[in-house]
């Protein structure tokens, strides 16, 4: 094979590899991501032991709104405006390349939407005066929180393991722009594949 032909084949392969890398980054920033559960705040829904992995879609880039009960990934840094660069850096592919762990990304459940009044009474959470039926909660909450009306453009989130979760009770309502994505599938461990 001539040097020119070898160079052309090598260039063709390089272009294809770069295209695959670019497509992977695009998909991981805007469409689908994976997420490892590594804490106890969402037990019993997600167990951190055995490297449970979630796949989640990022519809909020395109203006979708969450619903009550949705399990979402949030950026807990609510004291700063989140940018597209943050979304890019938080992509699992980019995080691996940068060798960073995104500890500011939390998995939580949506309890309140804009305009909802969320409050605690006798071990239970109430939304707009009605006690929530929360079969997913690990145990009764040991400590209450002050009532709050969720502001426009925000959501109120809590972990399912209420006594071991950092969430809106500590950092306040979460701007919708801080939602990284919605959990829609657990694919590991294989014996616990579940859609949400």
N, C-alpha and C. Protein backbone atom coordinates (compact mmCIF):
# COMPACT_ATOMS: atom_id res chain seq x y z
N UNK A 1 0.85 -1.18 0.00
CA UNK A 1 0.00 0.00 0.00
C UNK A 1 0.89 1.24 0.00
N UNK A 2 0.56 2.19 -0.83
CA UNK A 2 1.38 3.39 -0.94
C UNK A 2 1.20 4.26 0.30
N UNK A 3 2.19 5.15 0.51
CA UNK A 3 2.13 6.05 1.66
C UNK A 3 0.90 6.95 1.60
N UNK A 4 0.53 7.40 0.41
CA UNK A 4 -0.65 8.26 0.26
C UNK A 4 -1.93 7.53 0.64
N UNK A 5 -2.02 6.27 0.22
CA UNK A 5 -3.21 5.48 0.52
C UNK A 5 -3.28 5.18 2.01
N UNK A 6 -2.15 4.87 2.64
CA UNK A 6 -2.10 4.62 4.08
C UNK A 6 -2.51 5.87 4.86
N UNK A 7 -2.02 7.01 4.43
CA UNK A 7 -2.37 8.27 5.10
C UNK A 7 -3.85 8.57 4.95
N UNK A 8 -4.43 8.28 3.78
CA UNK A 8 -5.85 8.53 3.55
C UNK A 8 -6.71 7.62 4.44
N UNK A 9 -6.31 6.35 4.57
CA UNK A 9 -7.04 5.41 5.43
C UNK A 9 -6.94 5.86 6.89
N UNK A 10 -5.75 6.25 7.32
CA UNK A 10 -5.55 6.71 8.70
C UNK A 10 -6.38 7.96 8.98
N UNK A 11 -6.42 8.88 8.03
CA UNK A 11 -7.21 10.10 8.18
C UNK A 11 -8.70 9.78 8.25
N UNK A 12 -9.14 8.84 7.45
CA UNK A 12 -10.54 8.42 7.46
C UNK A 12 -10.92 7.83 8.83
N UNK A 13 -10.06 6.96 9.36
CA UNK A 13 -10.29 6.39 10.69
C UNK A 13 -10.30 7.47 11.77
N UNK A 14 -9.38 8.41 11.69
CA UNK A 14 -9.31 9.49 12.67
C UNK A 14 -10.59 10.32 12.65
N UNK A 15 -11.09 10.64 11.46
CA UNK A 15 -12.34 11.40 11.33
C UNK A 15 -13.50 10.65 11.97
N UNK A 16 -13.57 9.34 11.74
CA UNK A 16 -14.66 8.54 12.31
C UNK A 16 -14.58 8.49 13.83
N UNK A 17 -13.36 8.33 14.35
CA UNK A 17 -13.17 8.30 15.81
C UNK A 17 -13.58 9.64 16.42
N UNK A 18 -13.15 10.74 15.80
CA UNK A 18 -13.52 12.07 16.31
C UNK A 18 -15.02 12.30 16.24
N UNK A 19 -15.68 11.80 15.21
CA UNK A 19 -17.13 11.91 15.08
C UNK A 19 -17.83 11.15 16.20
N UNK A 20 -17.36 9.94 16.49
CA UNK A 20 -17.94 9.14 17.57
C UNK A 20 -17.76 9.84 18.92
N UNK A 21 -16.57 10.39 19.17
CA UNK A 21 -16.32 11.12 20.42
C UNK A 21 -17.24 12.33 20.53
N UNK A 22 -17.37 13.10 19.45
CA UNK A 22 -18.24 14.29 19.47
C UNK A 22 -19.69 13.90 19.70
N UNK A 23 -20.16 12.82 19.05
CA UNK A 23 -21.54 12.36 19.23
C UNK A 23 -21.78 11.89 20.66
N UNK A 24 -20.81 11.19 21.24
CA UNK A 24 -20.92 10.71 22.62
C UNK A 24 -21.02 11.88 23.58
N UNK A 25 -20.19 12.89 23.40
CA UNK A 25 -20.24 14.08 24.27
C UNK A 25 -21.58 14.80 24.10
N UNK A 26 -22.05 14.97 22.87
CA UNK A 26 -23.33 15.63 22.62
C UNK A 26 -24.46 14.89 23.33
N UNK A 27 -24.50 13.57 23.17
CA UNK A 27 -25.56 12.78 23.79
C UNK A 27 -25.47 12.86 25.31
N UNK A 28 -24.25 12.80 25.87
CA UNK A 28 -24.11 12.81 27.33
C UNK A 28 -24.40 14.19 27.94
N UNK A 29 -24.32 15.25 27.15
CA UNK A 29 -24.61 16.59 27.66
C UNK A 29 -26.09 16.92 27.53
N UNK A 30 -26.74 16.48 26.45
CA UNK A 30 -28.10 16.93 26.18
C UNK A 30 -29.18 15.86 26.20
N UNK A 31 -28.83 14.59 26.12
CA UNK A 31 -29.87 13.59 25.93
C UNK A 31 -29.93 12.57 27.07
N UNK A 32 -28.92 11.75 27.21
CA UNK A 32 -28.94 10.66 28.19
C UNK A 32 -27.63 10.66 28.97
N UNK A 33 -27.73 10.42 30.28
CA UNK A 33 -26.54 10.31 31.10
C UNK A 33 -26.70 9.13 32.06
N UNK A 34 -25.59 8.69 32.59
CA UNK A 34 -25.62 7.67 33.64
C UNK A 34 -25.21 8.33 34.95
N UNK A 35 -25.65 7.74 36.06
CA UNK A 35 -25.35 8.32 37.36
C UNK A 35 -25.22 7.21 38.38
N UNK A 36 -24.16 7.23 39.15
CA UNK A 36 -23.96 6.23 40.19
C UNK A 36 -24.55 6.73 41.50
N UNK A 37 -25.35 5.90 42.14
CA UNK A 37 -25.89 6.25 43.46
C UNK A 37 -24.83 5.89 44.48
N UNK A 38 -24.37 6.87 45.24
CA UNK A 38 -23.28 6.61 46.18
C UNK A 38 -23.55 7.12 47.58
N UNK A 39 -24.84 7.36 47.90
CA UNK A 39 -25.16 7.73 49.28
C UNK A 39 -26.49 7.10 49.68
N UNK A 40 -26.89 7.31 50.92
CA UNK A 40 -28.07 6.64 51.46
C UNK A 40 -29.32 7.52 51.43
N UNK A 41 -29.24 8.72 50.88
CA UNK A 41 -30.35 9.67 50.98
C UNK A 41 -31.61 9.26 50.23
N UNK A 42 -31.51 8.34 49.30
CA UNK A 42 -32.70 7.90 48.57
C UNK A 42 -33.12 6.47 48.89
N UNK A 43 -32.59 5.91 49.98
CA UNK A 43 -33.06 4.59 50.41
C UNK A 43 -34.50 4.71 50.87
N UNK A 44 -35.35 3.74 50.67
CA UNK A 44 -35.09 2.43 50.10
C UNK A 44 -35.20 2.37 48.57
N UNK A 45 -35.55 3.48 47.92
CA UNK A 45 -35.70 3.47 46.47
C UNK A 45 -34.41 3.05 45.78
N UNK A 46 -33.29 3.65 46.20
CA UNK A 46 -31.98 3.31 45.63
C UNK A 46 -31.02 2.98 46.75
N UNK A 47 -30.42 1.80 46.65
CA UNK A 47 -29.44 1.35 47.62
C UNK A 47 -28.05 1.69 47.08
N UNK A 48 -27.21 2.36 47.87
CA UNK A 48 -25.90 2.75 47.36
C UNK A 48 -24.91 1.60 47.25
N UNK A 49 -25.21 0.47 47.86
CA UNK A 49 -24.27 -0.66 47.84
C UNK A 49 -24.36 -1.40 46.52
N UNK A 50 -23.23 -1.80 45.99
CA UNK A 50 -23.22 -2.56 44.74
C UNK A 50 -23.21 -1.66 43.52
N UNK A 51 -22.85 -0.40 43.70
CA UNK A 51 -22.70 0.55 42.58
C UNK A 51 -23.93 0.61 41.69
N UNK A 52 -25.06 0.97 42.30
CA UNK A 52 -26.30 1.11 41.54
C UNK A 52 -26.15 2.25 40.54
N UNK A 53 -26.53 2.01 39.31
CA UNK A 53 -26.35 3.01 38.27
C UNK A 53 -27.71 3.39 37.71
N UNK A 54 -27.93 4.68 37.50
CA UNK A 54 -29.16 5.18 36.91
C UNK A 54 -28.87 5.77 35.54
N UNK A 55 -29.83 5.70 34.68
CA UNK A 55 -29.75 6.43 33.41
C UNK A 55 -30.80 7.51 33.51
N UNK A 56 -30.47 8.72 33.17
CA UNK A 56 -31.50 9.75 33.21
C UNK A 56 -31.46 10.63 31.98
N UNK A 57 -32.63 11.06 31.59
CA UNK A 57 -32.81 11.92 30.43
C UNK A 57 -32.76 13.37 30.89
N UNK A 58 -32.28 14.26 30.08
CA UNK A 58 -32.20 15.67 30.47
C UNK A 58 -33.19 16.52 29.67
N UNK A 59 -34.50 16.34 29.93
CA UNK A 59 -35.49 17.09 29.16
C UNK A 59 -35.57 18.56 29.55
N UNK A 60 -35.03 18.92 30.69
CA UNK A 60 -35.16 20.29 31.19
C UNK A 60 -34.35 21.28 30.38
N UNK A 61 -33.39 20.77 29.59
CA UNK A 61 -32.65 21.64 28.67
C UNK A 61 -33.63 22.24 27.66
N UNK A 62 -34.69 21.48 27.35
CA UNK A 62 -35.63 21.88 26.31
C UNK A 62 -36.92 22.45 26.88
N UNK A 63 -36.92 22.84 28.14
CA UNK A 63 -38.06 23.54 28.72
C UNK A 63 -39.11 22.67 29.39
N UNK A 64 -38.87 21.38 29.55
CA UNK A 64 -39.83 20.53 30.25
C UNK A 64 -39.89 20.91 31.72
N UNK A 65 -41.00 20.62 32.37
CA UNK A 65 -41.14 20.92 33.79
C UNK A 65 -41.32 19.61 34.56
N UNK A 66 -40.80 19.56 35.78
CA UNK A 66 -40.95 18.34 36.57
C UNK A 66 -42.37 18.20 37.09
N UNK A 67 -42.69 17.05 37.62
CA UNK A 67 -44.00 16.79 38.21
C UNK A 67 -43.79 16.28 39.63
N UNK A 68 -44.86 16.34 40.43
CA UNK A 68 -44.78 15.81 41.79
C UNK A 68 -44.34 14.34 41.73
N UNK A 69 -43.40 13.97 42.58
CA UNK A 69 -42.95 12.59 42.65
C UNK A 69 -41.83 12.23 41.71
N UNK A 70 -41.52 13.09 40.73
CA UNK A 70 -40.39 12.80 39.83
C UNK A 70 -39.11 12.69 40.63
N UNK A 71 -38.26 11.76 40.24
CA UNK A 71 -36.93 11.65 40.83
C UNK A 71 -35.99 12.37 39.88
N UNK A 72 -35.29 13.36 40.41
CA UNK A 72 -34.47 14.21 39.56
C UNK A 72 -33.05 14.30 40.09
N UNK A 73 -32.14 14.71 39.22
CA UNK A 73 -30.76 15.01 39.60
C UNK A 73 -30.67 16.53 39.65
N UNK A 74 -30.21 17.07 40.78
CA UNK A 74 -30.10 18.52 40.92
C UNK A 74 -28.66 18.94 41.17
N UNK A 75 -28.37 20.17 40.79
CA UNK A 75 -27.12 20.81 41.17
C UNK A 75 -27.42 21.53 42.47
N UNK A 76 -26.80 21.10 43.56
CA UNK A 76 -27.11 21.64 44.89
C UNK A 76 -26.51 23.03 45.13
N UNK A 77 -25.75 23.54 44.19
CA UNK A 77 -25.13 24.86 44.36
C UNK A 77 -26.15 25.94 43.95
N UNK A 78 -27.13 26.15 44.83
CA UNK A 78 -28.25 27.05 44.51
C UNK A 78 -27.89 28.52 44.67
N UNK A 79 -26.71 28.80 45.19
CA UNK A 79 -26.29 30.19 45.43
C UNK A 79 -25.62 30.81 44.20
N UNK A 80 -25.62 30.10 43.09
CA UNK A 80 -25.00 30.61 41.86
C UNK A 80 -25.86 30.23 40.68
N UNK A 81 -25.79 31.04 39.63
CA UNK A 81 -26.57 30.74 38.43
C UNK A 81 -25.88 29.65 37.64
N UNK A 82 -26.64 28.64 37.28
CA UNK A 82 -26.11 27.51 36.52
C UNK A 82 -26.07 27.87 35.03
N UNK A 83 -24.98 27.48 34.36
CA UNK A 83 -24.80 27.80 32.95
C UNK A 83 -24.72 26.53 32.11
N UNK A 84 -24.71 26.71 30.80
CA UNK A 84 -24.54 25.57 29.91
C UNK A 84 -23.16 24.93 30.12
N UNK A 85 -22.18 25.74 30.46
CA UNK A 85 -20.83 25.21 30.74
C UNK A 85 -20.89 24.25 31.92
N UNK A 86 -21.70 24.58 32.95
CA UNK A 86 -21.88 23.66 34.09
C UNK A 86 -22.45 22.33 33.61
N UNK A 87 -23.48 22.40 32.77
CA UNK A 87 -24.10 21.17 32.24
C UNK A 87 -23.05 20.35 31.48
N UNK A 88 -22.23 21.04 30.69
CA UNK A 88 -21.17 20.37 29.93
C UNK A 88 -20.17 19.71 30.88
N UNK A 89 -19.70 20.45 31.90
CA UNK A 89 -18.72 19.91 32.84
C UNK A 89 -19.29 18.75 33.66
N UNK A 90 -20.60 18.79 33.95
CA UNK A 90 -21.23 17.75 34.76
C UNK A 90 -21.55 16.49 33.97
N UNK A 91 -21.37 16.54 32.66
CA UNK A 91 -21.58 15.35 31.84
C UNK A 91 -20.64 14.24 32.33
N UNK A 92 -21.14 13.01 32.48
CA UNK A 92 -20.28 11.92 32.95
C UNK A 92 -19.03 11.73 32.09
N UNK A 93 -19.16 11.89 30.78
CA UNK A 93 -18.00 11.71 29.90
C UNK A 93 -16.94 12.76 30.21
N UNK A 94 -17.36 14.01 30.32
CA UNK A 94 -16.41 15.09 30.61
C UNK A 94 -15.85 14.94 32.02
N UNK A 95 -16.68 14.52 32.97
CA UNK A 95 -16.19 14.31 34.34
C UNK A 95 -15.10 13.25 34.39
N UNK A 96 -15.27 12.19 33.60
CA UNK A 96 -14.24 11.14 33.55
C UNK A 96 -12.95 11.70 32.96
N UNK A 97 -13.08 12.45 31.86
CA UNK A 97 -11.90 13.05 31.23
C UNK A 97 -11.20 13.98 32.20
N UNK A 98 -11.97 14.79 32.95
CA UNK A 98 -11.41 15.76 33.89
C UNK A 98 -11.03 15.13 35.24
N UNK A 99 -11.38 13.85 35.43
CA UNK A 99 -11.11 13.13 36.69
C UNK A 99 -11.71 13.86 37.89
N UNK A 100 -12.97 14.24 37.74
CA UNK A 100 -13.67 14.94 38.81
C UNK A 100 -14.89 14.14 39.25
N UNK A 101 -15.20 14.24 40.53
CA UNK A 101 -16.41 13.66 41.08
C UNK A 101 -17.37 14.82 41.35
N UNK A 102 -18.56 14.74 40.78
CA UNK A 102 -19.53 15.83 40.91
C UNK A 102 -20.38 15.65 42.16
N UNK A 103 -19.80 15.93 43.33
CA UNK A 103 -20.51 15.74 44.59
C UNK A 103 -21.65 16.74 44.77
N UNK A 104 -21.69 17.77 43.94
CA UNK A 104 -22.78 18.75 44.03
C UNK A 104 -24.04 18.27 43.31
N UNK A 105 -23.96 17.15 42.58
CA UNK A 105 -25.14 16.58 41.95
C UNK A 105 -25.81 15.60 42.90
N UNK A 106 -27.07 15.88 43.23
CA UNK A 106 -27.81 15.06 44.18
C UNK A 106 -29.03 14.44 43.50
N UNK A 107 -29.38 13.23 43.94
CA UNK A 107 -30.61 12.57 43.48
C UNK A 107 -31.68 12.83 44.53
N UNK A 108 -32.81 13.43 44.13
CA UNK A 108 -33.89 13.76 45.07
C UNK A 108 -35.24 13.58 44.39
N UNK A 109 -36.31 13.62 45.20
CA UNK A 109 -37.68 13.50 44.70
C UNK A 109 -38.37 14.85 44.79
N UNK A 110 -39.14 15.20 43.76
CA UNK A 110 -39.88 16.46 43.75
C UNK A 110 -41.09 16.33 44.67
N UNK A 111 -41.13 17.20 45.68
CA UNK A 111 -42.23 17.22 46.65
C UNK A 111 -43.16 18.40 46.37
N UNK A 112 -42.59 19.54 45.98
CA UNK A 112 -43.41 20.72 45.74
C UNK A 112 -43.05 21.43 44.45
N UNK A 113 -44.07 21.94 43.76
CA UNK A 113 -43.91 22.72 42.53
C UNK A 113 -44.24 24.18 42.83
N UNK A 114 -43.98 25.09 41.90
CA UNK A 114 -44.27 26.51 42.15
C UNK A 114 -45.71 26.73 42.62
N UNK A 115 -45.84 27.50 43.71
CA UNK A 115 -47.15 27.80 44.27
C UNK A 115 -47.60 26.83 45.35
N UNK A 116 -46.97 25.66 45.45
CA UNK A 116 -47.35 24.68 46.48
C UNK A 116 -46.89 25.14 47.86
N UNK A 117 -47.72 24.89 48.86
CA UNK A 117 -47.32 25.12 50.25
C UNK A 117 -46.92 23.76 50.81
N UNK A 118 -45.66 23.64 51.21
CA UNK A 118 -45.13 22.38 51.74
C UNK A 118 -44.86 22.59 53.22
N UNK A 119 -45.33 21.65 54.05
CA UNK A 119 -45.12 21.78 55.49
C UNK A 119 -45.05 20.42 56.17
N UNK A 120 -44.61 20.45 57.40
CA UNK A 120 -44.44 19.25 58.22
C UNK A 120 -45.41 19.31 59.39
N UNK A 121 -46.06 18.16 59.69
CA UNK A 121 -46.95 18.11 60.84
C UNK A 121 -47.03 16.68 61.35
N UNK A 122 -46.69 16.48 62.61
CA UNK A 122 -46.78 15.16 63.26
C UNK A 122 -46.13 14.03 62.46
N UNK A 123 -44.89 14.29 62.00
CA UNK A 123 -44.14 13.24 61.32
C UNK A 123 -44.46 13.06 59.86
N UNK A 124 -45.37 13.88 59.31
CA UNK A 124 -45.77 13.74 57.90
C UNK A 124 -45.56 15.03 57.14
N UNK A 125 -45.40 14.89 55.82
CA UNK A 125 -45.27 16.05 54.95
C UNK A 125 -46.63 16.33 54.31
N UNK A 126 -47.00 17.61 54.30
CA UNK A 126 -48.26 18.05 53.70
C UNK A 126 -47.97 18.97 52.53
N UNK A 127 -48.77 18.83 51.48
CA UNK A 127 -48.70 19.73 50.35
C UNK A 127 -50.08 20.32 50.14
N UNK A 128 -50.17 21.63 50.24
CA UNK A 128 -51.44 22.35 50.08
C UNK A 128 -52.52 21.79 51.00
N UNK A 129 -52.10 21.48 52.25
CA UNK A 129 -53.04 21.03 53.27
C UNK A 129 -53.35 19.55 53.27
N UNK A 130 -52.86 18.80 52.30
CA UNK A 130 -53.13 17.36 52.24
C UNK A 130 -51.88 16.56 52.57
N UNK A 131 -52.03 15.57 53.45
CA UNK A 131 -50.90 14.70 53.79
C UNK A 131 -50.50 13.88 52.56
N UNK A 132 -49.20 13.81 52.30
CA UNK A 132 -48.72 13.03 51.16
C UNK A 132 -48.70 11.54 51.51
N UNK A 133 -49.14 10.73 50.57
CA UNK A 133 -49.02 9.28 50.70
C UNK A 133 -47.66 8.92 50.13
N UNK A 134 -46.71 8.60 51.00
CA UNK A 134 -45.33 8.40 50.58
C UNK A 134 -44.84 7.01 50.94
N UNK A 135 -45.31 6.03 50.17
CA UNK A 135 -44.90 4.63 50.42
C UNK A 135 -43.42 4.42 50.16
N UNK A 136 -42.79 5.35 49.48
CA UNK A 136 -41.36 5.25 49.16
C UNK A 136 -40.45 5.73 50.29
N UNK A 137 -40.99 6.36 51.33
CA UNK A 137 -40.17 6.90 52.41
C UNK A 137 -39.68 5.77 53.31
N UNK A 138 -38.40 5.85 53.68
CA UNK A 138 -37.79 4.80 54.50
C UNK A 138 -38.35 4.77 55.92
N UNK A 139 -38.46 5.93 56.56
CA UNK A 139 -38.97 5.98 57.92
C UNK A 139 -39.55 7.36 58.19
N UNK A 140 -40.31 7.46 59.26
CA UNK A 140 -40.93 8.73 59.62
C UNK A 140 -39.86 9.77 59.92
N UNK A 141 -40.11 10.97 59.48
CA UNK A 141 -39.15 12.06 59.67
C UNK A 141 -39.05 12.40 61.14
N UNK A 142 -37.81 12.49 61.64
CA UNK A 142 -37.59 12.79 63.04
C UNK A 142 -37.66 14.27 63.37
N UNK A 143 -37.36 15.11 62.39
CA UNK A 143 -37.30 16.55 62.63
C UNK A 143 -38.14 17.28 61.60
N UNK A 144 -38.87 18.29 62.05
CA UNK A 144 -39.72 19.05 61.14
C UNK A 144 -38.97 20.14 60.40
N UNK A 145 -39.72 20.93 59.65
CA UNK A 145 -39.17 22.07 58.92
C UNK A 145 -40.24 23.14 58.83
N UNK A 146 -39.81 24.35 58.62
CA UNK A 146 -40.75 25.48 58.54
C UNK A 146 -41.58 25.38 57.26
N UNK A 147 -42.87 25.74 57.33
CA UNK A 147 -43.70 25.74 56.12
C UNK A 147 -43.11 26.70 55.07
N UNK A 148 -43.30 26.35 53.81
CA UNK A 148 -42.77 27.19 52.72
C UNK A 148 -43.72 27.12 51.53
N UNK A 149 -43.88 28.26 50.87
CA UNK A 149 -44.57 28.28 49.57
C UNK A 149 -43.48 28.32 48.52
N UNK A 150 -43.51 27.33 47.61
CA UNK A 150 -42.46 27.21 46.60
C UNK A 150 -42.59 28.37 45.60
N UNK A 151 -41.51 29.15 45.43
CA UNK A 151 -41.57 30.29 44.50
C UNK A 151 -41.65 29.85 43.04
N UNK A 152 -42.10 30.77 42.21
CA UNK A 152 -42.15 30.52 40.76
C UNK A 152 -40.73 30.24 40.25
N UNK A 153 -40.60 29.23 39.38
CA UNK A 153 -39.30 28.88 38.81
C UNK A 153 -38.46 27.97 39.68
N UNK A 154 -39.07 27.43 40.76
CA UNK A 154 -38.35 26.58 41.70
C UNK A 154 -39.14 25.30 41.97
N UNK A 155 -38.45 24.29 42.53
CA UNK A 155 -39.09 23.08 43.04
C UNK A 155 -38.56 22.81 44.44
N UNK A 156 -39.34 22.07 45.22
CA UNK A 156 -38.93 21.67 46.56
C UNK A 156 -38.67 20.18 46.51
N UNK A 157 -37.47 19.76 46.92
CA UNK A 157 -37.09 18.35 46.81
C UNK A 157 -36.68 17.78 48.16
N UNK A 158 -36.88 16.47 48.30
CA UNK A 158 -36.46 15.77 49.50
C UNK A 158 -35.97 14.38 49.11
N UNK A 159 -35.08 13.82 49.93
CA UNK A 159 -34.65 12.44 49.74
C UNK A 159 -35.67 11.51 50.38
N UNK A 160 -35.72 10.26 49.93
CA UNK A 160 -36.67 9.29 50.49
C UNK A 160 -36.25 8.84 51.88
N UNK A 161 -34.98 8.92 52.19
CA UNK A 161 -34.47 8.58 53.53
C UNK A 161 -34.40 9.91 54.30
N UNK A 162 -35.55 10.38 54.75
CA UNK A 162 -35.70 11.74 55.27
C UNK A 162 -34.73 12.09 56.40
N UNK A 163 -34.36 11.11 57.21
CA UNK A 163 -33.48 11.40 58.35
C UNK A 163 -32.01 11.37 57.97
N UNK A 164 -31.69 11.02 56.72
CA UNK A 164 -30.29 10.97 56.28
C UNK A 164 -30.10 11.68 54.95
N UNK A 165 -30.89 12.72 54.69
CA UNK A 165 -30.84 13.39 53.40
C UNK A 165 -30.61 14.88 53.55
N UNK A 166 -29.68 15.41 52.77
CA UNK A 166 -29.55 16.86 52.60
C UNK A 166 -30.40 17.21 51.39
N UNK A 167 -31.28 18.19 51.55
CA UNK A 167 -32.20 18.53 50.46
C UNK A 167 -32.73 19.94 50.65
N UNK A 168 -33.93 20.23 50.15
CA UNK A 168 -34.48 21.59 50.24
C UNK A 168 -34.69 22.05 51.67
N UNK A 169 -34.76 21.13 52.60
CA UNK A 169 -34.89 21.54 54.01
C UNK A 169 -33.65 22.29 54.48
N UNK A 170 -32.49 21.99 53.88
CA UNK A 170 -31.26 22.66 54.25
C UNK A 170 -30.89 23.79 53.29
N UNK A 171 -31.05 23.57 51.98
CA UNK A 171 -30.57 24.55 51.00
C UNK A 171 -31.68 25.37 50.35
N UNK A 172 -32.92 25.07 50.70
CA UNK A 172 -34.04 25.82 50.15
C UNK A 172 -34.53 25.26 48.83
N UNK A 173 -35.54 25.91 48.25
CA UNK A 173 -36.06 25.46 46.95
C UNK A 173 -34.97 25.48 45.89
N UNK A 174 -35.12 24.61 44.89
CA UNK A 174 -34.12 24.44 43.84
C UNK A 174 -34.60 25.14 42.57
N UNK A 175 -33.79 26.04 42.00
CA UNK A 175 -34.18 26.64 40.71
C UNK A 175 -34.34 25.55 39.65
N UNK A 176 -35.37 25.68 38.81
CA UNK A 176 -35.56 24.69 37.75
C UNK A 176 -34.32 24.61 36.87
N UNK A 177 -33.59 25.70 36.73
CA UNK A 177 -32.36 25.68 35.93
C UNK A 177 -31.28 24.80 36.55
N UNK A 178 -31.42 24.45 37.83
CA UNK A 178 -30.45 23.59 38.51
C UNK A 178 -30.80 22.11 38.40
N UNK A 179 -31.86 21.80 37.66
CA UNK A 179 -32.21 20.40 37.45
C UNK A 179 -31.37 19.86 36.30
N UNK A 180 -30.57 18.86 36.59
CA UNK A 180 -29.71 18.23 35.57
C UNK A 180 -30.52 17.28 34.71
N UNK A 181 -31.47 16.58 35.31
CA UNK A 181 -32.27 15.64 34.53
C UNK A 181 -33.22 14.85 35.40
N UNK A 182 -34.07 14.04 34.76
CA UNK A 182 -35.05 13.21 35.46
C UNK A 182 -34.66 11.74 35.32
N UNK A 183 -34.66 11.05 36.43
CA UNK A 183 -34.35 9.62 36.42
C UNK A 183 -35.50 8.90 35.73
N UNK A 184 -35.18 8.07 34.75
CA UNK A 184 -36.26 7.29 34.12
C UNK A 184 -35.98 5.80 34.09
N UNK A 185 -34.77 5.36 34.42
CA UNK A 185 -34.46 3.93 34.38
C UNK A 185 -33.31 3.59 35.31
N UNK A 186 -33.50 2.55 36.13
CA UNK A 186 -32.37 1.95 36.83
C UNK A 186 -32.03 0.69 36.06
N UNK A 187 -30.77 0.56 35.61
CA UNK A 187 -30.40 -0.62 34.83
C UNK A 187 -29.41 -1.52 35.53
N UNK A 188 -28.84 -1.10 36.66
CA UNK A 188 -27.99 -1.96 37.48
C UNK A 188 -28.38 -1.79 38.93
N UNK A 189 -28.41 -2.85 39.69
CA UNK A 189 -28.13 -4.24 39.33
C UNK A 189 -29.22 -4.80 38.41
N UNK A 190 -28.85 -5.76 37.62
CA UNK A 190 -29.75 -6.30 36.62
C UNK A 190 -31.03 -6.89 37.20
N UNK A 191 -30.97 -7.37 38.44
CA UNK A 191 -32.17 -7.96 39.05
C UNK A 191 -33.12 -6.89 39.61
N UNK A 192 -32.76 -5.60 39.48
CA UNK A 192 -33.62 -4.52 39.97
C UNK A 192 -33.89 -3.48 38.88
N UNK A 193 -33.93 -3.89 37.63
CA UNK A 193 -34.22 -2.96 36.55
C UNK A 193 -35.63 -2.39 36.77
N UNK A 194 -35.72 -1.07 36.78
CA UNK A 194 -36.99 -0.40 37.06
C UNK A 194 -37.08 0.88 36.25
N UNK A 195 -38.28 1.21 35.79
CA UNK A 195 -38.51 2.50 35.15
C UNK A 195 -39.22 3.42 36.13
N UNK A 196 -39.02 4.74 35.97
CA UNK A 196 -39.62 5.73 36.86
C UNK A 196 -40.32 6.79 36.05
